[in-house]
Amino acid sequence: MSGKKTIFNIIISIVIIVVAVFAYRLFFPKTPDQTATTPETLLTVITPDFALGPSDEFLRILLSLEKIEFKTGVFAKINENQLRDFSTQLTPKDPGRPNPFAPIGLGGDSVVATGTNR
């Protein structure tokens, strides 16, 4: 009984592998470039052809960007009266210690920060 089950499992495994190979070839067909192995087909020489103009899509899009204009008339319409200043005034603070890396209690005068708000 065990021998028949082993043979059945082997046959099922082979059928699954064959179906997987056919499915792979169906969904991912080989292009002619992938099957070529001669040195002439592996070597591709690209020569620039300036007479025809840019045929590459990237160059075409890049050249189309030159036509973009920015209209600055929108900024001229804003009056100075409509602008508001949202900046805050910064107040200078006293430094803490002359040498912050010196051990505490050594190194001359030390400034102790005290809070005034309670």
PDB file of N, CA and C in Angstrom:
ATOM      1  N   MET A   1       0.815  -1.185   0.000  1.00  0.00           N
ATOM      2  CA  MET A   1       0.000   0.000   0.000  1.00  0.00           C
ATOM      3  C   MET A   1       0.865   1.258   0.000  1.00  0.00           C
ATOM      4  N   SER A   2       1.940   1.231   0.733  1.00  0.00           N
ATOM      5  CA  SER A   2       2.831   2.368   0.844  1.00  0.00           C
ATOM      6  C   SER A   2       3.548   2.640  -0.471  1.00  0.00           C
ATOM      7  N   GLY A   3       3.885   1.590  -1.224  1.00  0.00           N
ATOM      8  CA  GLY A   3       4.559   1.737  -2.501  1.00  0.00           C
ATOM      9  C   GLY A   3       3.672   2.407  -3.531  1.00  0.00           C
ATOM     10  N   LYS A   4       2.383   2.058  -3.558  1.00  0.00           N
ATOM     11  CA  LYS A   4       1.448   2.664  -4.503  1.00  0.00           C
ATOM     12  C   LYS A   4       1.228   4.147  -4.185  1.00  0.00           C
ATOM     13  N   LYS A   5       1.205   4.458  -2.917  1.00  0.00           N
ATOM     14  CA  LYS A   5       1.008   5.842  -2.507  1.00  0.00           C
ATOM     15  C   LYS A   5       2.220   6.691  -2.887  1.00  0.00           C
ATOM     16  N   THR A   6       3.417   6.142  -2.745  1.00  0.00           N
ATOM     17  CA  THR A   6       4.638   6.853  -3.114  1.00  0.00           C
ATOM     18  C   THR A   6       4.665   7.104  -4.616  1.00  0.00           C
ATOM     19  N   ILE A   7       4.327   6.095  -5.417  1.00  0.00           N
ATOM     20  CA  ILE A   7       4.309   6.255  -6.874  1.00  0.00           C
ATOM     21  C   ILE A   7       3.252   7.289  -7.262  1.00  0.00           C
ATOM     22  N   PHE A   8       2.096   7.241  -6.627  1.00  0.00           N
ATOM     23  CA  PHE A   8       1.036   8.210  -6.914  1.00  0.00           C
ATOM     24  C   PHE A   8       1.506   9.637  -6.595  1.00  0.00           C
ATOM     25  N   ASN A   9       2.215   9.812  -5.473  1.00  0.00           N
ATOM     26  CA  ASN A   9       2.730  11.141  -5.097  1.00  0.00           C
ATOM     27  C   ASN A   9       3.772  11.628  -6.096  1.00  0.00           C
ATOM     28  N   ILE A  10       4.618  10.727  -6.589  1.00  0.00           N
ATOM     29  CA  ILE A  10       5.637  11.105  -7.570  1.00  0.00           C
ATOM     30  C   ILE A  10       4.964  11.534  -8.868  1.00  0.00           C
ATOM     31  N   ILE A  11       3.975  10.800  -9.318  1.00  0.00           N
ATOM     32  CA  ILE A  11       3.278  11.147 -10.567  1.00  0.00           C
ATOM     33  C   ILE A  11       2.560  12.486 -10.422  1.00  0.00           C
ATOM     34  N   ILE A  12       1.902  12.714  -9.303  1.00  0.00           N
ATOM     35  CA  ILE A  12       1.215  13.993  -9.067  1.00  0.00           C
ATOM     36  C   ILE A  12       2.235  15.137  -9.042  1.00  0.00           C
ATOM     37  N   SER A  13       3.399  14.922  -8.435  1.00  0.00           N
ATOM     38  CA  SER A  13       4.430  15.963  -8.385  1.00  0.00           C
ATOM     39  C   SER A  13       4.931  16.294  -9.786  1.00  0.00           C
ATOM     40  N   ILE A  14       5.148  15.269 -10.621  1.00  0.00           N
ATOM     41  CA  ILE A  14       5.611  15.500 -11.990  1.00  0.00           C
ATOM     42  C   ILE A  14       4.553  16.268 -12.780  1.00  0.00           C
ATOM     43  N   VAL A  15       3.288  15.915 -12.619  1.00  0.00           N
ATOM     44  CA  VAL A  15       2.212  16.617 -13.329  1.00  0.00           C
ATOM     45  C   VAL A  15       2.151  18.076 -12.891  1.00  0.00           C
ATOM     46  N   ILE A  16       2.314  18.347 -11.619  1.00  0.00           N
ATOM     47  CA  ILE A  16       2.287  19.727 -11.116  1.00  0.00           C
ATOM     48  C   ILE A  16       3.460  20.517 -11.677  1.00  0.00           C
ATOM     49  N   ILE A  17       4.640  19.913 -11.750  1.00  0.00           N
ATOM     50  CA  ILE A  17       5.815  20.599 -12.288  1.00  0.00           C
ATOM     51  C   ILE A  17       5.617  20.906 -13.766  1.00  0.00           C
ATOM     52  N   VAL A  18       5.085  19.952 -14.539  1.00  0.00           N
ATOM     53  CA  VAL A  18       4.859  20.175 -15.966  1.00  0.00           C
ATOM     54  C   VAL A  18       3.833  21.287 -16.180  1.00  0.00           C
ATOM     55  N   VAL A  19       2.761  21.287 -15.407  1.00  0.00           N
ATOM     56  CA  VAL A  19       1.750  22.340 -15.517  1.00  0.00           C
ATOM     57  C   VAL A  19       2.351  23.692 -15.151  1.00  0.00           C
ATOM     58  N   ALA A  20       3.209  23.737 -14.144  1.00  0.00           N
ATOM     59  CA  ALA A  20       3.849  24.995 -13.747  1.00  0.00           C
ATOM     60  C   ALA A  20       4.762  25.515 -14.855  1.00  0.00           C
ATOM     61  N   VAL A  21       5.498  24.633 -15.520  1.00  0.00           N
ATOM     62  CA  VAL A  21       6.385  25.051 -16.609  1.00  0.00           C
ATOM     63  C   VAL A  21       5.559  25.604 -17.764  1.00  0.00           C
ATOM     64  N   PHE A  22       4.478  24.930 -18.143  1.00  0.00           N
ATOM     65  CA  PHE A  22       3.634  25.427 -19.223  1.00  0.00           C
ATOM     66  C   PHE A  22       2.972  26.754 -18.853  1.00  0.00           C
ATOM     67  N   ALA A  23       2.552  26.913 -17.609  1.00  0.00           N
ATOM     68  CA  ALA A  23       1.950  28.174 -17.175  1.00  0.00           C
ATOM     69  C   ALA A  23       2.973  29.301 -17.200  1.00  0.00           C
ATOM     70  N   TYR A  24       4.198  29.003 -16.814  1.00  0.00           N
ATOM     71  CA  TYR A  24       5.256  30.018 -16.845  1.00  0.00           C
ATOM     72  C   TYR A  24       5.529  30.463 -18.272  1.00  0.00           C
ATOM     73  N   ARG A  25       5.617  29.512 -19.182  1.00  0.00           N
ATOM     74  CA  ARG A  25       5.858  29.859 -20.586  1.00  0.00           C
ATOM     75  C   ARG A  25       4.667  30.587 -21.193  1.00  0.00           C
ATOM     76  N   LEU A  26       3.467  30.326 -20.715  1.00  0.00           N
ATOM     77  CA  LEU A  26       2.289  30.998 -21.226  1.00  0.00           C
ATOM     78  C   LEU A  26       2.255  32.460 -20.778  1.00  0.00           C
ATOM     79  N   PHE A  27       2.564  32.701 -19.513  1.00  0.00           N
ATOM     80  CA  PHE A  27       2.497  34.057 -18.991  1.00  0.00           C
ATOM     81  C   PHE A  27       3.765  34.868 -19.231  1.00  0.00           C
ATOM     82  N   PHE A  28       4.901  34.231 -19.412  1.00  0.00           N
ATOM     83  CA  PHE A  28       6.171  34.914 -19.659  1.00  0.00           C
ATOM     84  C   PHE A  28       6.811  34.349 -20.923  1.00  0.00           C
ATOM     85  N   PRO A  29       6.314  34.724 -22.099  1.00  0.00           N
ATOM     86  CA  PRO A  29       6.901  34.181 -23.333  1.00  0.00           C
ATOM     87  C   PRO A  29       8.280  34.781 -23.583  1.00  0.00           C
ATOM     88  N   LYS A  30       9.125  34.024 -24.255  1.00  0.00           N
ATOM     89  CA  LYS A  30      10.469  34.492 -24.574  1.00  0.00           C
ATOM     90  C   LYS A  30      10.413  35.422 -25.771  1.00  0.00           C
ATOM     91  N   THR A  31      11.178  36.492 -25.684  1.00  0.00           N
ATOM     92  CA  THR A  31      11.301  37.389 -26.829  1.00  0.00           C
ATOM     93  C   THR A  31      12.477  36.926 -27.661  1.00  0.00           C
ATOM     94  N   PRO A  32      12.559  37.318 -28.922  1.00  0.00           N
ATOM     95  CA  PRO A  32      13.685  36.881 -29.752  1.00  0.00           C
ATOM     96  C   PRO A  32      15.038  37.325 -29.220  1.00  0.00           C
ATOM     97  N   ASP A  33      15.098  38.444 -28.493  1.00  0.00           N
ATOM     98  CA  ASP A  33      16.374  38.919 -27.962  1.00  0.00           C
ATOM     99  C   ASP A  33      16.914  38.004 -26.872  1.00  0.00           C
ATOM    100  N   GLN A  34      16.044  37.349 -26.120  1.00  0.00           N
ATOM    101  CA  GLN A  34      16.488  36.491 -25.029  1.00  0.00           C
ATOM    102  C   GLN A  34      17.082  35.188 -25.541  1.00  0.00           C
ATOM    103  N   THR A  35      16.667  34.719 -26.720  1.00  0.00           N
ATOM    104  CA  THR A  35      17.154  33.437 -27.223  1.00  0.00           C
ATOM    105  C   THR A  35      18.426  33.596 -28.038  1.00  0.00           C
ATOM    106  N   ALA A  36      18.785  34.812 -28.429  1.00  0.00           N
ATOM    107  CA  ALA A  36      19.967  35.024 -29.260  1.00  0.00           C
ATOM    108  C   ALA A  36      21.227  34.910 -28.418  1.00  0.00           C
ATOM    109  N   THR A  37      22.176  34.110 -28.914  1.00  0.00           N
ATOM    110  CA  THR A  37      23.424  33.942 -28.178  1.00  0.00           C
ATOM    111  C   THR A  37      24.643  34.179 -29.047  1.00  0.00           C
ATOM    112  N   THR A  38      24.480  34.572 -30.297  1.00  0.00           N
ATOM    113  CA  THR A  38      25.632  34.840 -31.152  1.00  0.00           C
ATOM    114  C   THR A  38      26.208  36.202 -30.801  1.00  0.00           C
ATOM    115  N   PRO A  39      27.515  36.394 -31.006  1.00  0.00           N
ATOM    116  CA  PRO A  39      28.123  37.689 -30.643  1.00  0.00           C
ATOM    117  C   PRO A  39      27.537  38.863 -31.427  1.00  0.00           C
ATOM    118  N   GLU A  40      27.097  38.629 -32.665  1.00  0.00           N
ATOM    119  CA  GLU A  40      26.543  39.725 -33.446  1.00  0.00           C
ATOM    120  C   GLU A  40      25.223  40.220 -32.854  1.00  0.00           C
ATOM    121  N   THR A  41      24.450  39.308 -32.304  1.00  0.00           N
ATOM    122  CA  THR A  41      23.170  39.728 -31.736  1.00  0.00           C
ATOM    123  C   THR A  41      23.325  40.291 -30.332  1.00  0.00           C
ATOM    124  N   LEU A  42      24.408  39.945 -29.640  1.00  0.00           N
ATOM    125  CA  LEU A  42      24.621  40.475 -28.297  1.00  0.00           C
ATOM    126  C   LEU A  42      25.191  41.884 -28.325  1.00  0.00           C
ATOM    127  N   LEU A  43      25.844  42.267 -29.420  1.00  0.00           N
ATOM    128  CA  LEU A  43      26.471  43.572 -29.533  1.00  0.00           C
ATOM    129  C   LEU A  43      25.510  44.528 -30.216  1.00  0.00           C
ATOM    130  N   THR A  44      25.204  45.625 -29.552  1.00  0.00           N
ATOM    131  CA  THR A  44      24.333  46.638 -30.119  1.00  0.00           C
ATOM    132  C   THR A  44      25.085  47.951 -30.135  1.00  0.00           C
ATOM    133  N   VAL A  45      25.193  48.545 -31.291  1.00  0.00           N
ATOM    134  CA  VAL A  45      25.871  49.819 -31.438  1.00  0.00           C
ATOM    135  C   VAL A  45      24.818  50.887 -31.649  1.00  0.00           C
ATOM    136  N   ILE A  46      24.832  51.880 -30.794  1.00  0.00           N
ATOM    137  CA  ILE A  46      23.874  52.967 -30.889  1.00  0.00           C
ATOM    138  C   ILE A  46      24.618  54.196 -31.388  1.00  0.00           C
ATOM    139  N   THR A  47      24.185  54.696 -32.515  1.00  0.00           N
ATOM    140  CA  THR A  47      24.787  55.902 -33.066  1.00  0.00           C
ATOM    141  C   THR A  47      23.766  57.020 -32.991  1.00  0.00           C
ATOM    142  N   PRO A  48      24.174  58.190 -32.543  1.00  0.00           N
ATOM    143  CA  PRO A  48      23.225  59.293 -32.458  1.00  0.00           C
ATOM    144  C   PRO A  48      22.864  59.793 -33.846  1.00  0.00           C
ATOM    145  N   ASP A  49      21.598  60.055 -34.063  1.00  0.00           N
ATOM    146  CA  ASP A  49      21.127  60.569 -35.339  1.00  0.00           C
ATOM    147  C   ASP A  49      20.512  61.927 -35.065  1.00  0.00           C
ATOM    148  N   PHE A  50      21.314  62.968 -35.264  1.00  0.00           N
ATOM    149  CA  PHE A  50      20.865  64.306 -34.927  1.00  0.00           C
ATOM    150  C   PHE A  50      19.932  64.888 -35.981  1.00  0.00           C
ATOM    151  N   ALA A  51      19.929  64.331 -37.155  1.00  0.00           N
ATOM    152  CA  ALA A  51      19.098  64.878 -38.226  1.00  0.00           C
ATOM    153  C   ALA A  51      17.618  64.599 -37.983  1.00  0.00           C
ATOM    154  N   LEU A  52      17.298  63.492 -37.344  1.00  0.00           N
ATOM    155  CA  LEU A  52      15.910  63.140 -37.119  1.00  0.00           C
ATOM    156  C   LEU A  52      15.324  63.814 -35.887  1.00  0.00           C
ATOM    157  N   GLY A  53      16.139  64.318 -35.003  1.00  0.00           N
ATOM    158  CA  GLY A  53      15.653  64.943 -33.786  1.00  0.00           C
ATOM    159  C   GLY A  53      15.499  63.905 -32.697  1.00  0.00           C
ATOM    160  N   PRO A  54      15.112  64.343 -31.505  1.00  0.00           N
ATOM    161  CA  PRO A  54      14.999  63.397 -30.390  1.00  0.00           C
ATOM    162  C   PRO A  54      13.799  62.471 -30.574  1.00  0.00           C
ATOM    163  N   SER A  55      14.071  61.187 -30.600  1.00  0.00           N
ATOM    164  CA  SER A  55      12.981  60.226 -30.721  1.00  0.00           C
ATOM    165  C   SER A  55      12.691  59.544 -29.389  1.00  0.00           C
ATOM    166  N   ASP A  56      13.548  59.739 -28.449  1.00  0.00           N
ATOM    167  CA  ASP A  56      13.342  59.140 -27.136  1.00  0.00           C
ATOM    168  C   ASP A  56      12.242  59.896 -26.410  1.00  0.00           C
ATOM    169  N   GLU A  57      11.401  59.166 -25.706  1.00  0.00           N
ATOM    170  CA  GLU A  57      10.268  59.790 -25.020  1.00  0.00           C
ATOM    171  C   GLU A  57      10.733  60.747 -23.926  1.00  0.00           C
ATOM    172  N   PHE A  58      11.822  60.374 -23.231  1.00  0.00           N
ATOM    173  CA  PHE A  58      12.331  61.248 -22.178  1.00  0.00           C
ATOM    174  C   PHE A  58      12.780  62.587 -22.747  1.00  0.00           C
ATOM    175  N   LEU A  59      13.488  62.551 -23.868  1.00  0.00           N
ATOM    176  CA  LEU A  59      13.935  63.800 -24.477  1.00  0.00           C
ATOM    177  C   LEU A  59      12.753  64.618 -24.988  1.00  0.00           C
ATOM    178  N   ARG A  60      11.729  63.955 -25.491  1.00  0.00           N
ATOM    179  CA  ARG A  60      10.558  64.663 -25.970  1.00  0.00           C
ATOM    180  C   ARG A  60       9.870  65.391 -24.815  1.00  0.00           C
ATOM    181  N   ILE A  61       9.742  64.724 -23.676  1.00  0.00           N
ATOM    182  CA  ILE A  61       9.115  65.354 -22.507  1.00  0.00           C
ATOM    183  C   ILE A  61       9.987  66.485 -21.984  1.00  0.00           C
ATOM    184  N   LEU A  62      11.306  66.266 -21.993  1.00  0.00           N
ATOM    185  CA  LEU A  62      12.216  67.295 -21.517  1.00  0.00           C
ATOM    186  C   LEU A  62      12.147  68.538 -22.397  1.00  0.00           C
ATOM    187  N   LEU A  63      12.048  68.347 -23.688  1.00  0.00           N
ATOM    188  CA  LEU A  63      11.942  69.496 -24.585  1.00  0.00           C
ATOM    189  C   LEU A  63      10.581  70.182 -24.458  1.00  0.00           C
ATOM    190  N   SER A  64       9.552  69.441 -24.076  1.00  0.00           N
ATOM    191  CA  SER A  64       8.249  70.076 -23.897  1.00  0.00           C
ATOM    192  C   SER A  64       8.225  70.960 -22.653  1.00  0.00           C
ATOM    193  N   LEU A  65       9.145  70.726 -21.706  1.00  0.00           N
ATOM    194  CA  LEU A  65       9.197  71.561 -20.503  1.00  0.00           C
ATOM    195  C   LEU A  65       9.713  72.961 -20.801  1.00  0.00           C
ATOM    196  N   GLU A  66      10.401  73.144 -21.932  1.00  0.00           N
ATOM    197  CA  GLU A  66      10.894  74.479 -22.267  1.00  0.00           C
ATOM    198  C   GLU A  66       9.753  75.437 -22.582  1.00  0.00           C
ATOM    199  N   LYS A  67       8.604  74.902 -22.937  1.00  0.00           N
ATOM    200  CA  LYS A  67       7.475  75.743 -23.336  1.00  0.00           C
ATOM    201  C   LYS A  67       6.688  76.275 -22.146  1.00  0.00           C
ATOM    202  N   ILE A  68       7.007  75.839 -20.939  1.00  0.00           N
ATOM    203  CA  ILE A  68       6.252  76.258 -19.760  1.00  0.00           C
ATOM    204  C   ILE A  68       6.609  77.690 -19.396  1.00  0.00           C
ATOM    205  N   GLU A  69       5.568  78.507 -19.172  1.00  0.00           N
ATOM    206  CA  GLU A  69       5.770  79.889 -18.753  1.00  0.00           C
ATOM    207  C   GLU A  69       5.150  80.093 -17.381  1.00  0.00           C
ATOM    208  N   PHE A  70       5.815  80.864 -16.557  1.00  0.00           N
ATOM    209  CA  PHE A  70       5.289  81.213 -15.253  1.00  0.00           C
ATOM    210  C   PHE A  70       4.810  82.661 -15.308  1.00  0.00           C
ATOM    211  N   LYS A  71       3.539  82.862 -15.017  1.00  0.00           N
ATOM    212  CA  LYS A  71       2.974  84.204 -15.041  1.00  0.00           C
ATOM    213  C   LYS A  71       3.116  84.814 -13.655  1.00  0.00           C
ATOM    214  N   THR A  72       3.855  85.900 -13.588  1.00  0.00           N
ATOM    215  CA  THR A  72       4.120  86.536 -12.296  1.00  0.00           C
ATOM    216  C   THR A  72       3.142  87.670 -12.014  1.00  0.00           C
ATOM    217  N   GLY A  73       2.143  87.844 -12.840  1.00  0.00           N
ATOM    218  CA  GLY A  73       1.156  88.904 -12.631  1.00  0.00           C
ATOM    219  C   GLY A  73       0.352  88.712 -11.365  1.00  0.00           C
ATOM    220  N   VAL A  74       0.244  87.486 -10.887  1.00  0.00           N
ATOM    221  CA  VAL A  74      -0.493  87.210  -9.654  1.00  0.00           C
ATOM    222  C   VAL A  74       0.175  87.901  -8.475  1.00  0.00           C
ATOM    223  N   PHE A  75       1.490  87.897  -8.462  1.00  0.00           N
ATOM    224  CA  PHE A  75       2.208  88.514  -7.346  1.00  0.00           C
ATOM    225  C   PHE A  75       2.137  90.034  -7.406  1.00  0.00           C
ATOM    226  N   ALA A  76       1.978  90.606  -8.586  1.00  0.00           N
ATOM    227  CA  ALA A  76       1.895  92.057  -8.713  1.00  0.00           C
ATOM    228  C   ALA A  76       0.542  92.573  -8.217  1.00  0.00           C
ATOM    229  N   LYS A  77      -0.493  91.735  -8.218  1.00  0.00           N
ATOM    230  CA  LYS A  77      -1.822  92.160  -7.796  1.00  0.00           C
ATOM    231  C   LYS A  77      -1.949  92.285  -6.282  1.00  0.00           C
ATOM    232  N   ILE A  78      -1.069  91.655  -5.529  1.00  0.00           N
ATOM    233  CA  ILE A  78      -1.152  91.694  -4.070  1.00  0.00           C
ATOM    234  C   ILE A  78      -0.633  93.044  -3.584  1.00  0.00           C
ATOM    235  N   ASN A  79      -1.467  93.747  -2.854  1.00  0.00           N
ATOM    236  CA  ASN A  79      -1.054  95.023  -2.267  1.00  0.00           C
ATOM    237  C   ASN A  79      -0.235  94.764  -1.011  1.00  0.00           C
ATOM    238  N   GLU A  80       0.603  95.709  -0.686  1.00  0.00           N
ATOM    239  CA  GLU A  80       1.379  95.576   0.544  1.00  0.00           C
ATOM    240  C   GLU A  80       0.481  95.680   1.769  1.00  0.00           C
ATOM    241  N   ASN A  81      -0.677  96.260   1.632  1.00  0.00           N
ATOM    242  CA  ASN A  81      -1.602  96.389   2.759  1.00  0.00           C
ATOM    243  C   ASN A  81      -2.195  95.038   3.133  1.00  0.00           C
ATOM    244  N   GLN A  82      -2.275  94.126   2.204  1.00  0.00           N
ATOM    245  CA  GLN A  82      -2.878  92.830   2.468  1.00  0.00           C
ATOM    246  C   GLN A  82      -1.920  91.872   3.169  1.00  0.00           C
ATOM    247  N   LEU A  83      -0.655  92.191   3.170  1.00  0.00           N
ATOM    248  CA  LEU A  83       0.331  91.319   3.794  1.00  0.00           C
ATOM    249  C   LEU A  83       0.418  91.607   5.283  1.00  0.00           C
ATOM    250  N   ARG A  84       0.532  90.554   6.096  1.00  0.00           N
ATOM    251  CA  ARG A  84       0.659  90.696   7.541  1.00  0.00           C
ATOM    252  C   ARG A  84       1.964  90.060   8.000  1.00  0.00           C
ATOM    253  N   ASP A  85       2.548  90.632   9.041  1.00  0.00           N
ATOM    254  CA  ASP A  85       3.791  90.118   9.596  1.00  0.00           C
ATOM    255  C   ASP A  85       3.447  89.185  10.759  1.00  0.00           C
ATOM    256  N   PHE A  86       3.776  87.916  10.619  1.00  0.00           N
ATOM    257  CA  PHE A  86       3.491  86.925  11.655  1.00  0.00           C
ATOM    258  C   PHE A  86       4.750  86.547  12.440  1.00  0.00           C
ATOM    259  N   SER A  87       5.830  87.282  12.290  1.00  0.00           N
ATOM    260  CA  SER A  87       7.064  86.926  12.971  1.00  0.00           C
ATOM    261  C   SER A  87       6.964  87.260  14.465  1.00  0.00           C
ATOM    262  N   THR A  88       7.747  86.542  15.266  1.00  0.00           N
ATOM    263  CA  THR A  88       7.786  86.781  16.708  1.00  0.00           C
ATOM    264  C   THR A  88       9.166  87.304  17.077  1.00  0.00           C
ATOM    265  N   GLN A  89       9.199  88.155  18.062  1.00  0.00           N
ATOM    266  CA  GLN A  89      10.451  88.753  18.486  1.00  0.00           C
ATOM    267  C   GLN A  89      11.199  87.775  19.388  1.00  0.00           C
ATOM    268  N   LEU A  90      12.435  87.535  19.106  1.00  0.00           N
ATOM    269  CA  LEU A  90      13.260  86.641  19.919  1.00  0.00           C
ATOM    270  C   LEU A  90      14.018  87.450  20.951  1.00  0.00           C
ATOM    271  N   THR A  91      13.999  86.977  22.193  1.00  0.00           N
ATOM    272  CA  THR A  91      14.726  87.655  23.257  1.00  0.00           C
ATOM    273  C   THR A  91      15.986  86.855  23.569  1.00  0.00           C
ATOM    274  N   PRO A  92      17.111  87.520  23.714  1.00  0.00           N
ATOM    275  CA  PRO A  92      18.348  86.792  24.024  1.00  0.00           C
ATOM    276  C   PRO A  92      18.319  86.261  25.452  1.00  0.00           C
ATOM    277  N   LYS A  93      18.880  85.106  25.649  1.00  0.00           N
ATOM    278  CA  LYS A  93      18.913  84.471  26.976  1.00  0.00           C
ATOM    279  C   LYS A  93      20.360  84.411  27.458  1.00  0.00           C
ATOM    280  N   ASP A  94      20.523  84.377  28.782  1.00  0.00           N
ATOM    281  CA  ASP A  94      21.851  84.272  29.368  1.00  0.00           C
ATOM    282  C   ASP A  94      22.385  82.861  29.168  1.00  0.00           C
ATOM    283  N   PRO A  95      23.671  82.743  28.902  1.00  0.00           N
ATOM    284  CA  PRO A  95      24.240  81.397  28.761  1.00  0.00           C
ATOM    285  C   PRO A  95      24.297  80.700  30.110  1.00  0.00           C
ATOM    286  N   GLY A  96      24.323  79.387  30.099  1.00  0.00           N
ATOM    287  CA  GLY A  96      24.310  78.620  31.339  1.00  0.00           C
ATOM    288  C   GLY A  96      25.654  78.595  32.026  1.00  0.00           C
ATOM    289  N   ARG A  97      26.649  77.908  31.513  1.00  0.00           N
ATOM    290  CA  ARG A  97      27.959  77.770  32.134  1.00  0.00           C
ATOM    291  C   ARG A  97      29.030  78.153  31.135  1.00  0.00           C
ATOM    292  N   PRO A  98      30.166  78.661  31.605  1.00  0.00           N
ATOM    293  CA  PRO A  98      31.240  79.001  30.675  1.00  0.00           C
ATOM    294  C   PRO A  98      31.759  77.759  29.947  1.00  0.00           C
ATOM    295  N   ASN A  99      31.882  76.643  30.647  1.00  0.00           N
ATOM    296  CA  ASN A  99      32.335  75.398  30.031  1.00  0.00           C
ATOM    297  C   ASN A  99      31.325  74.317  30.407  1.00  0.00           C
ATOM    298  N   PRO A 100      30.447  73.948  29.504  1.00  0.00           N
ATOM    299  CA  PRO A 100      29.418  72.975  29.861  1.00  0.00           C
ATOM    300  C   PRO A 100      29.958  71.569  30.071  1.00  0.00           C
ATOM    301  N   PHE A 101      31.206  71.315  29.677  1.00  0.00           N
ATOM    302  CA  PHE A 101      31.774  69.972  29.812  1.00  0.00           C
ATOM    303  C   PHE A 101      32.606  69.800  31.081  1.00  0.00           C
ATOM    304  N   ALA A 102      32.794  70.889  31.820  1.00  0.00           N
ATOM    305  CA  ALA A 102      33.536  70.806  33.071  1.00  0.00           C
ATOM    306  C   ALA A 102      32.664  70.138  34.130  1.00  0.00           C
ATOM    307  N   PRO A 103      33.282  69.448  35.086  1.00  0.00           N
ATOM    308  CA  PRO A 103      32.488  68.828  36.152  1.00  0.00           C
ATOM    309  C   PRO A 103      31.744  69.900  36.952  1.00  0.00           C
ATOM    310  N   ILE A 104      30.602  69.532  37.470  1.00  0.00           N
ATOM    311  CA  ILE A 104      29.786  70.487  38.225  1.00  0.00           C
ATOM    312  C   ILE A 104      30.506  70.851  39.520  1.00  0.00           C
ATOM    313  N   GLY A 105      30.546  72.152  39.822  1.00  0.00           N
ATOM    314  CA  GLY A 105      31.186  72.642  41.028  1.00  0.00           C
ATOM    315  C   GLY A 105      32.604  73.128  40.776  1.00  0.00           C
ATOM    316  N   LEU A 106      33.176  72.830  39.614  1.00  0.00           N
ATOM    317  CA  LEU A 106      34.513  73.287  39.269  1.00  0.00           C
ATOM    318  C   LEU A 106      34.432  74.227  38.076  1.00  0.00           C
ATOM    319  N   GLY A 107      35.418  75.077  37.934  1.00  0.00           N
ATOM    320  CA  GLY A 107      35.487  75.887  36.725  1.00  0.00           C
ATOM    321  C   GLY A 107      34.957  77.289  36.871  1.00  0.00           C
ATOM    322  N   GLY A 108      35.117  77.903  38.018  1.00  0.00           N
ATOM    323  CA  GLY A 108      34.797  79.317  38.158  1.00  0.00           C
ATOM    324  C   GLY A 108      33.326  79.572  38.420  1.00  0.00           C
ATOM    325  N   ASP A 109      32.876  80.731  37.914  1.00  0.00           N
ATOM    326  CA  ASP A 109      31.497  81.149  38.166  1.00  0.00           C
ATOM    327  C   ASP A 109      30.520  80.246  37.416  1.00  0.00           C
ATOM    328  N   SER A 110      29.450  79.931  38.069  1.00  0.00           N
ATOM    329  CA  SER A 110      28.403  79.168  37.408  1.00  0.00           C
ATOM    330  C   SER A 110      27.096  79.918  37.559  1.00  0.00           C
ATOM    331  N   VAL A 111      26.328  79.910  36.523  1.00  0.00           N
ATOM    332  CA  VAL A 111      25.046  80.603  36.521  1.00  0.00           C
ATOM    333  C   VAL A 111      23.978  79.561  36.787  1.00  0.00           C
ATOM    334  N   VAL A 112      23.149  79.833  37.761  1.00  0.00           N
ATOM    335  CA  VAL A 112      22.071  78.926  38.096  1.00  0.00           C
ATOM    336  C   VAL A 112      20.784  79.495  37.532  1.00  0.00           C
ATOM    337  N   ALA A 113      20.094  78.709  36.744  1.00  0.00           N
ATOM    338  CA  ALA A 113      18.835  79.169  36.148  1.00  0.00           C
ATOM    339  C   ALA A 113      17.721  78.975  37.166  1.00  0.00           C
ATOM    340  N   THR A 114      16.998  80.047  37.395  1.00  0.00           N
ATOM    341  CA  THR A 114      15.859  79.976  38.326  1.00  0.00           C
ATOM    342  C   THR A 114      14.618  80.376  37.572  1.00  0.00           C
ATOM    343  N   GLY A 115      13.532  79.751  37.884  1.00  0.00           N
ATOM    344  CA  GLY A 115      12.274  80.085  37.235  1.00  0.00           C
ATOM    345  C   GLY A 115      11.591  81.221  37.961  1.00  0.00           C
ATOM    346  N   THR A 116      11.010  82.143  37.210  1.00  0.00           N
ATOM    347  CA  THR A 116      10.312  83.273  37.833  1.00  0.00           C
ATOM    348  C   THR A 116       8.822  83.058  37.849  1.00  0.00           C
ATOM    349  N   ASN A 117       8.324  82.164  37.028  1.00  0.00           N
ATOM    350  CA  ASN A 117       6.873  81.903  36.999  1.00  0.00           C
ATOM    351  C   ASN A 117       6.549  80.770  37.953  1.00  0.00           C
ATOM    352  N   ARG A 118       5.507  80.976  38.780  1.00  0.00           N
ATOM    353  CA  ARG A 118       5.087  79.922  39.702  1.00  0.00           C
ATOM    354  C   ARG A 118       3.643  79.664  39.574  1.00  0.00           C
TER     355      ARG A 118
END
